[in-house]
Amino acid sequence: MSEVIGTVAPRLLGPAVMVAAAIIVKGYTDVGDGFSAAVIVTLAISLRYVTFGTTGAERSLPILRYAPAVAAAG
């Protein structure tokens, strides 16, 4: 992976969550805003997986270890 992606990927999750929260707060009455916010956060987490691999991403965000169980329960 390039150095730029390796530098940007860990720092992108915070701003992505902030933008997603702003989308939900601004457009809570419109259809699809929760989906749009989830896509933004998912893309930031996916970039982390692509950059660091499964082990590195789960080491940096321990909550990701429980994602398959939560998805199955949901």
Protein backbone atom coordinates (compact mmCIF):
# COMPACT_ATOMS: atom_id res chain seq x y z
CA MET A 1 0.00 0.00 0.00
CA SER A 2 1.14 3.53 -0.58
CA GLU A 3 2.28 5.76 2.25
CA VAL A 4 -0.55 8.20 1.59
CA ILE A 5 -3.24 5.57 2.12
CA GLY A 6 -1.41 4.22 5.15
CA THR A 7 -1.42 7.71 6.65
CA VAL A 8 -4.97 8.69 5.72
CA ALA A 9 -6.82 5.45 6.59
CA PRO A 10 -6.40 5.58 10.39
CA ARG A 11 -7.31 9.27 10.49
CA LEU A 12 -10.39 9.01 8.29
CA LEU A 13 -12.75 7.23 10.68
CA GLY A 14 -13.29 10.19 13.03
CA PRO A 15 -14.27 12.68 10.31
CA ALA A 16 -16.41 10.01 8.62
CA VAL A 17 -18.38 9.46 11.84
CA MET A 18 -18.79 13.23 12.24
CA VAL A 19 -20.10 13.62 8.68
CA ALA A 20 -22.44 10.65 9.17
CA ALA A 21 -23.78 12.18 12.40
CA ALA A 22 -24.30 15.50 10.61
CA ILE A 23 -26.21 13.76 7.82
CA ILE A 24 -28.49 12.03 10.32
CA VAL A 25 -29.10 15.21 12.35
CA LYS A 26 -29.66 17.45 9.32
CA GLY A 27 -31.96 15.15 7.42
CA TYR A 28 -33.68 13.05 10.02
CA THR A 29 -37.03 13.51 8.27
CA ASP A 30 -35.86 12.49 4.79
CA VAL A 31 -35.89 8.97 3.45
CA GLY A 32 -32.51 7.24 3.19
CA ASP A 33 -30.38 9.45 5.40
CA GLY A 34 -29.56 6.66 7.82
CA PHE A 35 -28.48 4.51 4.90
CA SER A 36 -26.27 7.29 3.54
CA ALA A 37 -24.64 7.78 6.93
CA ALA A 38 -24.01 4.04 7.28
CA VAL A 39 -22.42 3.90 3.83
CA ILE A 40 -19.99 6.69 4.76
CA VAL A 41 -18.89 4.95 7.97
CA THR A 42 -18.70 1.56 6.23
CA LEU A 43 -16.44 2.95 3.52
CA ALA A 44 -14.07 4.38 6.14
CA ILE A 45 -13.93 1.03 7.95
CA SER A 46 -13.50 -0.84 4.65
CA LEU A 47 -10.56 1.37 3.76
CA ARG A 48 -9.02 0.45 7.11
CA TYR A 49 -9.48 -3.27 6.30
CA VAL A 50 -7.96 -2.86 2.83
CA THR A 51 -5.00 -0.90 4.20
CA PHE A 52 -4.12 -2.90 7.31
CA GLY A 53 -5.66 -6.30 6.60
CA THR A 54 -8.03 -8.17 8.90
CA THR A 55 -5.64 -8.53 11.81
CA GLY A 56 -4.45 -4.93 11.75
CA ALA A 57 -7.94 -3.48 11.43
CA GLU A 58 -9.30 -5.57 14.29
CA ARG A 59 -6.26 -4.70 16.41
CA SER A 60 -6.83 -0.97 15.85
CA LEU A 61 -10.62 -1.19 16.41
CA PRO A 62 -11.39 -4.08 18.80
CA ILE A 63 -15.15 -3.65 18.36
CA LEU A 64 -14.79 -5.01 14.80
CA ARG A 65 -14.12 -8.47 16.22
CA TYR A 66 -17.78 -8.70 17.24
CA ALA A 67 -19.22 -7.40 13.95
CA PRO A 68 -20.07 -10.85 12.48
CA ALA A 69 -21.95 -11.86 15.64
CA VAL A 70 -23.86 -8.57 15.73
CA ALA A 71 -24.73 -8.88 12.03
CA ALA A 72 -26.00 -12.42 12.54
CA ALA A 73 -28.05 -11.41 15.57
CA GLY A 74 -29.49 -8.36 13.81
